[in-house]
Amino acid sequence: MAMFASASSSQVPSGNYEVFISFRGSDVRFGFLNHLTNELRRESIDVYVDDRLERGEEISLALVKAIEGSKIALVIFSKDYAFSQWCLEELVKIIECKETGKQTVIPIFYHVDPSDVRHQRGTYEEAFTHHEQKFKDNVQKLQIWRSALKKTANLSGYHSSHFRNEPELINVIVENVLRKLEDNSSIVLGSQLTGFHQNFTSVESLMENELPEVRVLGIWGPGGIGKTTLARAIFHKFSSQFESHCFLDNVREESTTVDGLSPLLQKLFFELLDKKYDINMNRAVRRLKQKKVLIVLDDVDNPKQLKDLVGQQLYLGRGSRVIATSRDKHVLKSGGIHEKYIHEVKELSLEESLELFSMHAFNQNHPIKEYEELSNLTVALAGGIPLALEVLGSHFHSRDEAYWKSELSKLQKYPPQNIQDRLKKDQVIPVLEACGFKAVSGIQNLIDKALVKSGNR
């Protein structure tokens, strides 16, 4: 069992990272490690490095979370790595994450022989001679450490002696990390796109990422239709093609706080300017003019939010793209987005609906054979709304046929009322006009807010 310090004793921030680096500071901190992290960050890779010069014997709970939240762990085996109890405890946690399928581990043998690490020879043998004296009453701990070293040393990695110089070694490592992150992004993108293929293709065509103009796009539709999911999928696919990127969640909700949009604007600059810029608005704007960036503003409900966050005062570099999602088309247009760049998220087709429903009901993209008819009946009730499909799928997950039929009969008798089905434009306008209401403008407002749908669209 690894030893962890209490969370209160740690100053290490927790969070999700793309790369976690395990290293012995006295061996590599001011040389190889510094060059490696600089190159990773130059490629906009989010790296976690424990910068404390003094390390104790126990790793903190916060550091454990940093390991658990990382997609890739780079383990730099150097001459004195095994002398550090801290490093060995890190390694145990890293291997644990690997074996649960949560992490890719890449060993780097920096001026040490992989066989010495694997079999604890050379300085690694000296380290364990020291540990055996200290932990003579805890043989199990020593066995866990030895096992972690052997498992990691058996993985495919890099031996510094196989390269002409350190820059060459670092370049190869960075290229491998980028490749693995892109592969992982493809998996994430695939899961996000379940049922959203047609909508994704439409927004993707609006990106036209090769054009040098700055373009602002809108994604519009009612609640539950999948605007945020669609925006995230686009963000995951294209973010690596930009110098910097930022996804601002819940703009509508966040802007209602006491400080208004100020924290969101601060976060925007902080994310886009390499997370290490002492933010002065004038200097920040000047820097952004030189950068090609991707920004997503999720759930905008006021034109002012668009204008203040990415309006004329925020000049972006050539080729930048901004995506805003909203339930109100008029907000997007008033915020400065041209109508031809606003995508209305369409309800899913029957095929797409069945795919999304099945992922939540059966953990696969199609129904189990015995439940095909029940699935088709259930999917028809959702009206192509992704949120409804997800909720229904989760509701029927692992349920038997008797339960399913009973619940389905209730849903068929009392189906969810859909405003779009109940209000028919051609029939409603004459009635409202006869009652003295300005029906045309009123219904247009409802259409813009995605509450009713025109039969012409």
Protein backbone atom coordinates (compact mmCIF):
# COMPACT_ATOMS: atom_id res chain seq x y z
CA MET A 1 0.00 0.00 0.00
CA ALA A 2 1.46 3.36 -1.06
CA MET A 3 1.78 6.07 1.58
CA PHE A 4 0.14 9.43 0.97
CA ALA A 5 0.43 12.66 2.95
CA SER A 6 -2.74 14.42 4.02
CA ALA A 7 -4.30 16.73 1.44
CA SER A 8 -3.97 19.69 3.75
CA SER A 9 -0.21 19.35 3.83
CA SER A 10 0.12 19.64 0.07
CA GLN A 11 0.38 22.69 -2.11
CA VAL A 12 0.06 20.66 -5.31
CA PRO A 13 -3.01 21.60 -7.35
CA SER A 14 -5.28 18.80 -8.48
CA GLY A 15 -6.78 18.60 -11.96
CA ASN A 16 -6.61 16.94 -15.34
CA TYR A 17 -3.43 17.08 -17.41
CA GLU A 18 -2.33 15.64 -20.70
CA VAL A 19 1.11 14.62 -19.43
CA PHE A 20 2.47 13.87 -15.95
CA ILE A 21 6.26 13.63 -15.56
CA SER A 22 7.87 11.53 -12.82
CA PHE A 23 11.54 12.36 -12.23
CA ARG A 24 14.38 12.66 -9.68
CA GLY A 25 15.04 16.37 -9.43
CA SER A 26 18.70 16.23 -8.49
CA ASP A 27 19.46 14.30 -11.70
CA VAL A 28 17.48 16.10 -14.39
CA ARG A 29 15.58 19.15 -13.11
CA PHE A 30 17.75 21.96 -14.50
CA GLY A 31 18.77 20.28 -17.74
CA PHE A 32 16.92 17.53 -19.56
CA LEU A 33 13.62 18.00 -17.72
CA ASN A 34 13.55 21.74 -18.35
CA HIS A 35 14.18 21.31 -22.09
CA LEU A 36 11.61 18.51 -22.36
CA THR A 37 8.82 20.44 -20.62
CA ASN A 38 9.55 23.55 -22.67
CA GLU A 39 9.14 21.60 -25.91
CA LEU A 40 5.96 19.90 -24.72
CA ARG A 41 4.45 23.25 -23.74
CA ARG A 42 5.57 24.77 -27.03
CA GLU A 43 3.25 22.23 -28.64
CA SER A 44 0.41 23.40 -26.32
CA ILE A 45 0.56 20.16 -24.33
CA ASP A 46 -0.70 20.56 -20.77
CA VAL A 47 2.13 19.19 -18.60
CA TYR A 48 2.24 18.59 -14.85
CA VAL A 49 5.66 18.86 -13.22
CA ASP A 50 6.15 18.98 -9.45
CA ASP A 51 8.40 22.02 -9.12
CA ARG A 52 9.18 21.70 -5.43
CA LEU A 53 12.91 21.39 -4.78
CA GLU A 54 12.38 19.64 -1.45
CA ARG A 55 10.35 16.45 -1.46
CA GLY A 56 9.35 14.40 1.52
CA GLU A 57 8.89 10.66 1.72
CA GLU A 58 5.14 10.63 1.15
CA ILE A 59 3.26 11.82 -1.91
CA SER A 60 0.17 13.93 -1.32
CA LEU A 61 -3.43 13.11 -2.19
CA ALA A 62 -3.44 16.10 -4.51
CA LEU A 63 -0.47 14.69 -6.40
CA VAL A 64 -2.25 11.34 -6.64
CA LYS A 65 -5.15 13.18 -8.30
CA ALA A 66 -2.74 14.82 -10.74
CA ILE A 67 -1.43 11.38 -11.70
CA GLU A 68 -4.92 9.93 -12.00
CA GLY A 69 -6.08 12.86 -14.14
CA SER A 70 -3.23 12.60 -16.67
CA LYS A 71 -3.56 10.82 -20.00
CA ILE A 72 0.15 10.05 -20.37
CA ALA A 73 2.87 9.51 -17.76
CA LEU A 74 6.51 10.05 -18.73
CA VAL A 75 8.84 8.31 -16.26
CA ILE A 76 12.43 9.56 -16.45
CA PHE A 77 14.64 6.82 -15.02
CA SER A 78 17.91 8.48 -14.06
CA LYS A 79 20.91 7.43 -11.95
CA ASP A 80 19.41 8.21 -8.54
CA TYR A 81 15.69 7.78 -9.34
CA ALA A 82 15.28 4.70 -7.12
CA PHE A 83 16.88 6.43 -4.11
CA SER A 84 13.76 8.60 -3.85
CA GLN A 85 10.92 7.02 -1.91
CA TRP A 86 8.72 9.77 -3.39
CA CYS A 87 9.56 8.69 -6.95
CA LEU A 88 8.90 5.04 -6.17
CA GLU A 89 5.50 5.84 -4.66
CA GLU A 90 4.66 7.93 -7.73
CA LEU A 91 5.63 5.01 -9.93
CA VAL A 92 3.39 2.59 -8.02
CA LYS A 93 0.43 4.92 -8.59
CA ILE A 94 1.31 5.37 -12.26
CA ILE A 95 1.37 1.61 -12.84
CA GLU A 96 -1.92 1.29 -11.00
CA CYS A 97 -3.48 3.82 -13.38
CA LYS A 98 -2.02 2.03 -16.38
CA GLU A 99 -3.40 -1.33 -15.30
CA THR A 100 -6.90 0.08 -14.90
CA GLY A 101 -6.71 1.34 -18.48
CA LYS A 102 -6.63 5.01 -17.57
CA GLN A 103 -3.14 5.96 -18.66
CA THR A 104 -0.35 5.46 -21.20
CA VAL A 105 3.11 5.10 -19.63
CA ILE A 106 6.33 5.90 -21.49
CA PRO A 107 9.67 5.17 -19.76
CA ILE A 108 12.72 7.28 -20.60
CA PHE A 109 16.06 5.73 -19.65
CA TYR A 110 18.29 8.73 -19.11
CA HIS A 111 21.92 7.57 -18.94
CA VAL A 112 20.87 4.31 -17.27
CA ASP A 113 20.55 0.80 -18.71
CA PRO A 114 16.95 -0.51 -18.90
CA SER A 115 18.13 -3.87 -17.56
CA ASP A 116 19.53 -2.15 -14.45
CA VAL A 117 16.09 -0.67 -13.81
CA ARG A 118 14.33 -3.93 -14.61
CA HIS A 119 16.49 -6.10 -12.33
CA GLN A 120 17.64 -3.40 -9.86
CA ARG A 121 21.32 -3.48 -10.66
CA GLY A 122 23.96 -0.74 -10.48
CA THR A 123 22.73 2.36 -8.67
CA TYR A 124 19.27 0.79 -8.47
CA GLU A 125 20.75 -2.06 -6.45
CA GLU A 126 22.49 0.47 -4.19
CA ALA A 127 19.18 2.25 -3.68
CA PHE A 128 17.42 -0.92 -2.60
CA THR A 129 20.25 -1.83 -0.25
CA HIS A 130 19.50 1.49 1.45
CA HIS A 131 15.73 0.87 1.42
CA GLU A 132 16.13 -2.65 2.83
CA GLN A 133 17.80 -1.20 5.92
CA LYS A 134 15.07 1.37 6.40
CA PHE A 135 12.12 -0.92 5.65
CA LYS A 136 13.41 -4.25 6.97
CA ASP A 137 10.06 -4.73 8.70
CA ASN A 138 8.06 -3.93 5.59
CA VAL A 139 9.18 -6.38 2.93
CA GLN A 140 5.88 -6.00 1.08
CA LYS A 141 6.60 -2.34 0.31
CA LEU A 142 9.96 -3.24 -1.21
CA GLN A 143 8.33 -5.94 -3.35
CA ILE A 144 5.72 -3.45 -4.61
CA TRP A 145 8.46 -0.99 -5.58
CA ARG A 146 10.51 -3.67 -7.33
CA SER A 147 7.44 -4.86 -9.23
CA ALA A 148 6.60 -1.30 -10.38
CA LEU A 149 10.17 -0.79 -11.63
CA LYS A 150 10.15 -4.08 -13.52
CA LYS A 151 6.73 -3.48 -15.11
CA THR A 152 7.66 0.03 -16.25
CA ALA A 153 11.09 -1.00 -17.56
CA ASN A 154 9.42 -3.70 -19.68
CA LEU A 155 7.32 -1.09 -21.51
CA SER A 156 8.32 0.40 -24.83
CA GLY A 157 10.30 3.59 -24.21
CA TYR A 158 13.45 5.55 -25.06
CA HIS A 159 17.09 4.95 -24.15
CA SER A 160 19.20 8.13 -24.27
CA SER A 161 22.23 6.21 -25.57
CA HIS A 162 20.35 5.43 -28.79
CA PHE A 163 20.26 9.10 -29.79
CA ARG A 164 23.02 11.39 -31.01
CA ASN A 165 22.06 14.18 -28.63
CA GLU A 166 19.37 15.31 -26.20
CA PRO A 167 17.47 17.56 -28.65
CA GLU A 168 16.98 14.58 -30.94
CA LEU A 169 15.73 12.46 -28.03
CA ILE A 170 13.36 15.19 -26.89
CA ASN A 171 11.95 15.72 -30.40
CA VAL A 172 11.13 12.03 -30.73
CA ILE A 173 9.46 11.95 -27.31
CA VAL A 174 7.34 15.02 -28.08
CA GLU A 175 6.27 13.60 -31.45
CA ASN A 176 5.23 10.34 -29.78
CA VAL A 177 3.27 12.18 -27.10
CA LEU A 178 1.46 14.27 -29.72
CA ARG A 179 0.61 11.16 -31.71
CA LYS A 180 -0.80 9.37 -28.66
CA LEU A 181 -2.83 12.41 -27.64
CA GLU A 182 -4.28 12.68 -31.15
CA ASP A 183 -5.22 8.98 -31.06
CA ASN A 184 -6.92 9.55 -27.72
CA SER A 185 -8.73 12.61 -29.08
CA SER A 186 -10.07 10.46 -31.93
CA ILE A 187 -11.53 8.04 -29.38
CA VAL A 188 -13.06 10.91 -27.39
CA LEU A 189 -14.41 12.46 -30.58
CA GLY A 190 -15.97 9.15 -31.64
CA SER A 191 -17.83 8.81 -28.34
CA GLN A 192 -19.02 12.42 -28.51
CA LEU A 193 -20.28 12.03 -32.06
CA THR A 194 -22.66 9.18 -31.29
CA GLY A 195 -25.79 10.22 -33.15
CA PHE A 196 -24.44 13.64 -34.18
CA HIS A 197 -22.76 12.87 -37.49
CA GLN A 198 -24.93 15.00 -39.78
CA ASN A 199 -24.83 18.03 -37.49
CA PHE A 200 -21.09 17.64 -37.02
CA THR A 201 -20.47 17.57 -40.77
CA SER A 202 -22.47 20.79 -41.26
CA VAL A 203 -20.55 22.73 -38.59
CA GLU A 204 -17.26 21.28 -39.78
CA SER A 205 -17.91 22.68 -43.26
CA LEU A 206 -18.48 26.15 -41.77
CA MET A 207 -15.09 26.08 -40.03
CA GLU A 208 -13.12 26.23 -43.33
CA ASN A 209 -10.03 26.20 -41.22
CA GLU A 210 -7.63 26.89 -44.08
CA LEU A 211 -9.06 30.36 -44.75
CA PRO A 212 -7.12 33.27 -43.16
CA GLU A 213 -10.18 35.34 -42.18
CA VAL A 214 -11.39 35.51 -38.57
CA ARG A 215 -14.75 33.75 -38.49
CA VAL A 216 -17.45 33.62 -35.80
CA LEU A 217 -19.90 30.71 -35.98
CA GLY A 218 -23.18 30.08 -34.19
CA ILE A 219 -24.77 26.81 -33.05
CA TRP A 220 -28.47 27.26 -32.30
CA GLY A 221 -31.30 25.07 -31.04
CA PRO A 222 -33.57 24.27 -28.08
CA GLY A 223 -32.39 22.88 -24.77
CA GLY A 224 -31.41 19.22 -24.90
CA ILE A 225 -30.79 19.21 -28.65
CA GLY A 226 -27.02 18.72 -28.24
CA LYS A 227 -25.49 22.15 -28.86
CA THR A 228 -22.79 21.78 -26.21
CA THR A 229 -21.97 18.21 -27.25
CA LEU A 230 -21.61 19.34 -30.84
CA ALA A 231 -19.41 22.31 -29.88
CA ARG A 232 -17.17 20.06 -27.76
CA ALA A 233 -16.76 17.58 -30.59
CA ILE A 234 -15.71 20.37 -32.97
CA PHE A 235 -13.38 21.78 -30.29
CA HIS A 236 -11.70 18.40 -29.75
CA LYS A 237 -11.15 17.84 -33.46
CA PHE A 238 -9.79 21.27 -34.35
CA SER A 239 -8.07 22.59 -31.21
CA SER A 240 -4.68 21.09 -32.09
CA GLN A 241 -4.69 23.15 -35.32
CA PHE A 242 -4.64 26.44 -33.40
CA GLU A 243 -1.89 28.10 -31.39
CA SER A 244 -4.17 28.45 -28.37
CA HIS A 245 -7.72 27.49 -27.51
CA CYS A 246 -10.33 28.07 -24.82
CA PHE A 247 -13.75 26.53 -24.08
CA LEU A 248 -15.86 28.81 -21.85
CA ASP A 249 -18.67 26.76 -20.25
CA ASN A 250 -22.05 28.06 -19.13
CA VAL A 251 -21.61 31.69 -20.20
CA ARG A 252 -25.24 32.49 -19.38
CA GLU A 253 -24.96 31.20 -15.83
CA GLU A 254 -21.47 32.53 -15.15
CA SER A 255 -22.37 36.03 -16.34
CA THR A 256 -25.06 36.36 -13.64
CA THR A 257 -22.48 36.45 -10.82
CA VAL A 258 -21.61 39.67 -8.99
CA ASP A 259 -18.54 40.25 -11.17
CA GLY A 260 -20.45 39.72 -14.41
CA LEU A 261 -18.35 38.89 -17.47
CA SER A 262 -15.04 40.02 -15.94
CA PRO A 263 -13.99 36.56 -14.63
CA LEU A 264 -14.85 34.99 -17.99
CA LEU A 265 -12.77 37.57 -19.84
CA GLN A 266 -9.87 37.02 -17.45
CA LYS A 267 -10.13 33.26 -17.97
CA LEU A 268 -10.22 33.75 -21.73
CA PHE A 269 -6.97 35.71 -21.74
CA PHE A 270 -5.42 33.36 -19.19
CA GLU A 271 -6.18 30.27 -21.33
CA LEU A 272 -5.18 31.83 -24.65
CA LEU A 273 -1.91 33.38 -23.47
CA ASP A 274 -0.15 30.23 -22.31
CA LYS A 275 -1.47 30.34 -18.73
CA LYS A 276 1.50 32.34 -17.54
CA TYR A 277 0.80 35.91 -18.58
CA ASP A 278 0.40 38.75 -16.09
CA ILE A 279 -2.86 39.92 -17.58
CA ASN A 280 -3.04 43.54 -18.64
CA MET A 281 -5.89 43.99 -21.10
CA ASN A 282 -4.08 46.28 -23.53
CA ARG A 283 -1.01 44.05 -23.67
CA ALA A 284 -3.19 40.93 -23.88
CA VAL A 285 -5.10 42.29 -26.88
CA ARG A 286 -1.83 43.17 -28.62
CA ARG A 287 -0.56 39.63 -28.10
CA LEU A 288 -3.77 38.04 -29.34
CA LYS A 289 -3.49 39.91 -32.64
CA GLN A 290 -0.52 37.67 -33.38
CA LYS A 291 -2.17 34.35 -32.45
CA LYS A 292 -4.48 32.01 -34.34
CA VAL A 293 -6.93 30.88 -31.66
CA LEU A 294 -10.08 28.78 -31.24
CA ILE A 295 -12.70 29.99 -28.75
CA VAL A 296 -16.02 28.40 -27.77
CA LEU A 297 -18.62 30.41 -25.83
CA ASP A 298 -21.18 27.90 -24.59
CA ASP A 299 -24.78 28.88 -23.79
CA VAL A 300 -24.91 32.58 -24.67
CA ASP A 301 -28.24 34.30 -23.97
CA ASN A 302 -27.42 37.98 -24.49
CA PRO A 303 -25.76 39.75 -27.43
CA LYS A 304 -23.66 41.74 -24.93
CA GLN A 305 -21.90 38.53 -23.86
CA LEU A 306 -20.72 37.97 -27.42
CA LYS A 307 -19.72 41.58 -27.95
CA ASP A 308 -17.86 41.90 -24.64
CA LEU A 309 -16.03 38.56 -24.86
CA VAL A 310 -15.11 38.47 -28.54
CA GLY A 311 -16.33 41.80 -29.89
CA GLN A 312 -14.43 44.42 -31.85
CA GLN A 313 -12.17 45.24 -28.91
CA LEU A 314 -10.77 41.69 -28.92
CA TYR A 315 -8.77 41.46 -32.14
CA LEU A 316 -7.73 37.92 -32.97
CA GLY A 317 -4.99 36.65 -35.24
CA ARG A 318 -5.54 35.56 -38.83
CA GLY A 319 -7.43 32.30 -39.18
CA SER A 320 -8.97 32.43 -35.69
CA ARG A 321 -12.37 30.85 -35.12
CA VAL A 322 -15.03 31.60 -32.51
CA ILE A 323 -18.04 29.33 -31.89
CA ALA A 324 -21.02 30.45 -29.79
CA THR A 325 -23.94 28.23 -28.78
CA SER A 326 -27.35 29.63 -27.87
CA ARG A 327 -31.02 28.78 -27.56
CA ASP A 328 -31.87 32.10 -29.21
CA LYS A 329 -30.95 32.70 -32.85
CA HIS A 330 -31.64 36.44 -32.50
CA VAL A 331 -28.96 36.68 -29.78
CA LEU A 332 -26.38 35.24 -32.16
CA LYS A 333 -27.39 37.56 -35.00
CA SER A 334 -27.51 40.63 -32.74
CA GLY A 335 -24.12 39.63 -31.38
CA GLY A 336 -22.64 40.03 -34.84
CA ILE A 337 -22.80 36.53 -36.35
CA HIS A 338 -23.87 36.42 -39.99
CA GLU A 339 -26.89 34.18 -40.55
CA LYS A 340 -25.05 32.02 -43.10
CA TYR A 341 -22.62 31.01 -40.33
CA ILE A 342 -25.35 29.96 -37.89
CA HIS A 343 -26.11 26.25 -37.80
CA GLU A 344 -29.47 25.07 -36.51
CA VAL A 345 -28.98 21.77 -34.71
CA LYS A 346 -31.43 19.36 -36.29
CA GLU A 347 -33.25 16.58 -34.48
CA LEU A 348 -31.54 13.25 -34.95
CA SER A 349 -32.71 10.92 -37.67
CA LEU A 350 -34.29 7.59 -36.69
CA GLU A 351 -31.01 5.82 -37.37
CA GLU A 352 -28.98 8.32 -35.34
CA SER A 353 -31.57 8.27 -32.55
CA LEU A 354 -31.41 4.50 -32.30
CA GLU A 355 -27.62 4.64 -32.16
CA LEU A 356 -27.56 7.18 -29.32
CA PHE A 357 -30.34 5.45 -27.39
CA SER A 358 -28.58 2.08 -27.70
CA MET A 359 -25.31 3.46 -26.34
CA HIS A 360 -27.13 4.35 -23.11
CA ALA A 361 -29.49 1.36 -22.97
CA PHE A 362 -27.17 -1.43 -24.14
CA ASN A 363 -23.62 0.04 -24.11
CA GLN A 364 -23.37 -0.55 -27.86
CA ASN A 365 -24.51 1.30 -30.98
CA HIS A 366 -27.46 -0.96 -31.78
CA PRO A 367 -30.22 -2.66 -29.78
CA ILE A 368 -30.02 -6.21 -28.47
CA LYS A 369 -31.97 -8.39 -30.90
CA GLU A 370 -34.75 -9.28 -28.43
CA TYR A 371 -35.32 -5.57 -27.71
CA GLU A 372 -35.30 -4.19 -31.26
CA GLU A 373 -39.07 -3.60 -31.47
CA LEU A 374 -39.26 -2.09 -27.96
CA SER A 375 -36.29 0.13 -28.76
CA ASN A 376 -37.88 1.44 -31.95
CA LEU A 377 -41.11 2.24 -30.09
CA THR A 378 -39.20 4.06 -27.34
CA VAL A 379 -37.00 6.01 -29.74
CA ALA A 380 -40.09 7.24 -31.62
CA LEU A 381 -41.28 8.96 -28.42
CA ALA A 382 -38.09 11.03 -28.07
CA GLY A 383 -38.68 13.07 -31.21
CA GLY A 384 -34.99 13.03 -32.16
CA ILE A 385 -33.99 15.03 -29.05
CA PRO A 386 -30.59 13.75 -27.80
CA LEU A 387 -31.23 14.56 -24.14
CA ALA A 388 -34.51 12.63 -24.20
CA LEU A 389 -32.80 9.68 -25.89
CA GLU A 390 -30.03 9.66 -23.30
CA VAL A 391 -32.50 9.84 -20.41
CA LEU A 392 -34.72 7.10 -21.84
CA GLY A 393 -31.75 4.92 -22.66
CA SER A 394 -30.37 5.22 -19.14
CA HIS A 395 -33.86 4.60 -17.70
CA PHE A 396 -34.25 1.30 -19.56
CA HIS A 397 -30.65 0.15 -19.07
CA SER A 398 -30.53 -3.38 -17.57
CA ARG A 399 -34.34 -3.52 -17.30
CA ASP A 400 -36.21 -6.73 -18.16
CA GLU A 401 -38.81 -6.99 -20.89
CA ALA A 402 -41.80 -6.88 -18.49
CA TYR A 403 -40.63 -3.63 -16.90
CA TRP A 404 -39.89 -2.14 -20.31
CA LYS A 405 -43.37 -2.91 -21.66
CA SER A 406 -45.04 -1.53 -18.55
CA GLU A 407 -43.10 1.76 -18.69
CA LEU A 408 -43.52 2.06 -22.43
CA SER A 409 -47.31 1.75 -22.16
CA LYS A 410 -47.30 4.72 -19.74
CA LEU A 411 -45.14 6.81 -22.05
CA GLN A 412 -47.36 6.02 -25.04
CA LYS A 413 -50.47 7.02 -23.10
CA TYR A 414 -48.97 10.18 -21.63
CA PRO A 415 -46.17 11.17 -24.02
CA PRO A 416 -44.02 14.25 -23.36
CA GLN A 417 -45.81 17.23 -24.83
CA ASN A 418 -43.80 18.89 -27.56
CA ILE A 419 -44.54 22.58 -28.09
CA GLN A 420 -43.29 22.32 -31.64
CA ASP A 421 -45.96 19.69 -32.42
CA ARG A 422 -48.77 21.52 -30.65
CA LEU A 423 -48.27 24.90 -32.34
CA LYS A 424 -48.72 24.88 -36.10
CA LYS A 425 -47.82 28.27 -37.57
CA ASP A 426 -50.33 28.37 -40.38
CA GLN A 427 -53.21 27.50 -38.05
CA VAL A 428 -52.16 29.67 -35.10
CA ILE A 429 -51.56 33.00 -36.89
CA PRO A 430 -55.20 33.58 -37.98
CA VAL A 431 -56.48 32.71 -34.51
CA LEU A 432 -54.06 35.06 -32.75
CA GLU A 433 -54.65 37.90 -35.22
CA ALA A 434 -58.41 37.55 -34.71
CA CYS A 435 -57.82 37.97 -30.97
CA GLY A 436 -55.91 41.22 -31.52
CA PHE A 437 -52.35 39.87 -31.05
CA LYS A 438 -49.37 40.67 -33.29
CA ALA A 439 -48.98 37.04 -34.23
CA VAL A 440 -46.31 37.25 -36.94
CA SER A 441 -43.68 39.00 -34.82
CA GLY A 442 -44.63 36.99 -31.73
CA ILE A 443 -44.25 33.66 -33.49
CA GLN A 444 -40.99 34.79 -35.10
CA ASN A 445 -39.64 35.44 -31.60
CA LEU A 446 -40.68 31.91 -30.59
CA ILE A 447 -38.99 30.50 -33.71
CA ASP A 448 -35.76 32.37 -32.92
CA LYS A 449 -35.82 30.91 -29.41
CA ALA A 450 -36.35 27.41 -30.90
CA LEU A 451 -39.70 27.05 -29.13
CA VAL A 452 -41.72 26.52 -32.27
CA LYS A 453 -40.74 25.47 -35.76
CA SER A 454 -41.93 26.87 -39.05
CA GLY A 455 -43.39 24.31 -41.42
CA ASN A 456 -41.31 25.88 -44.23
CA ARG A 457 -38.01 24.82 -42.67
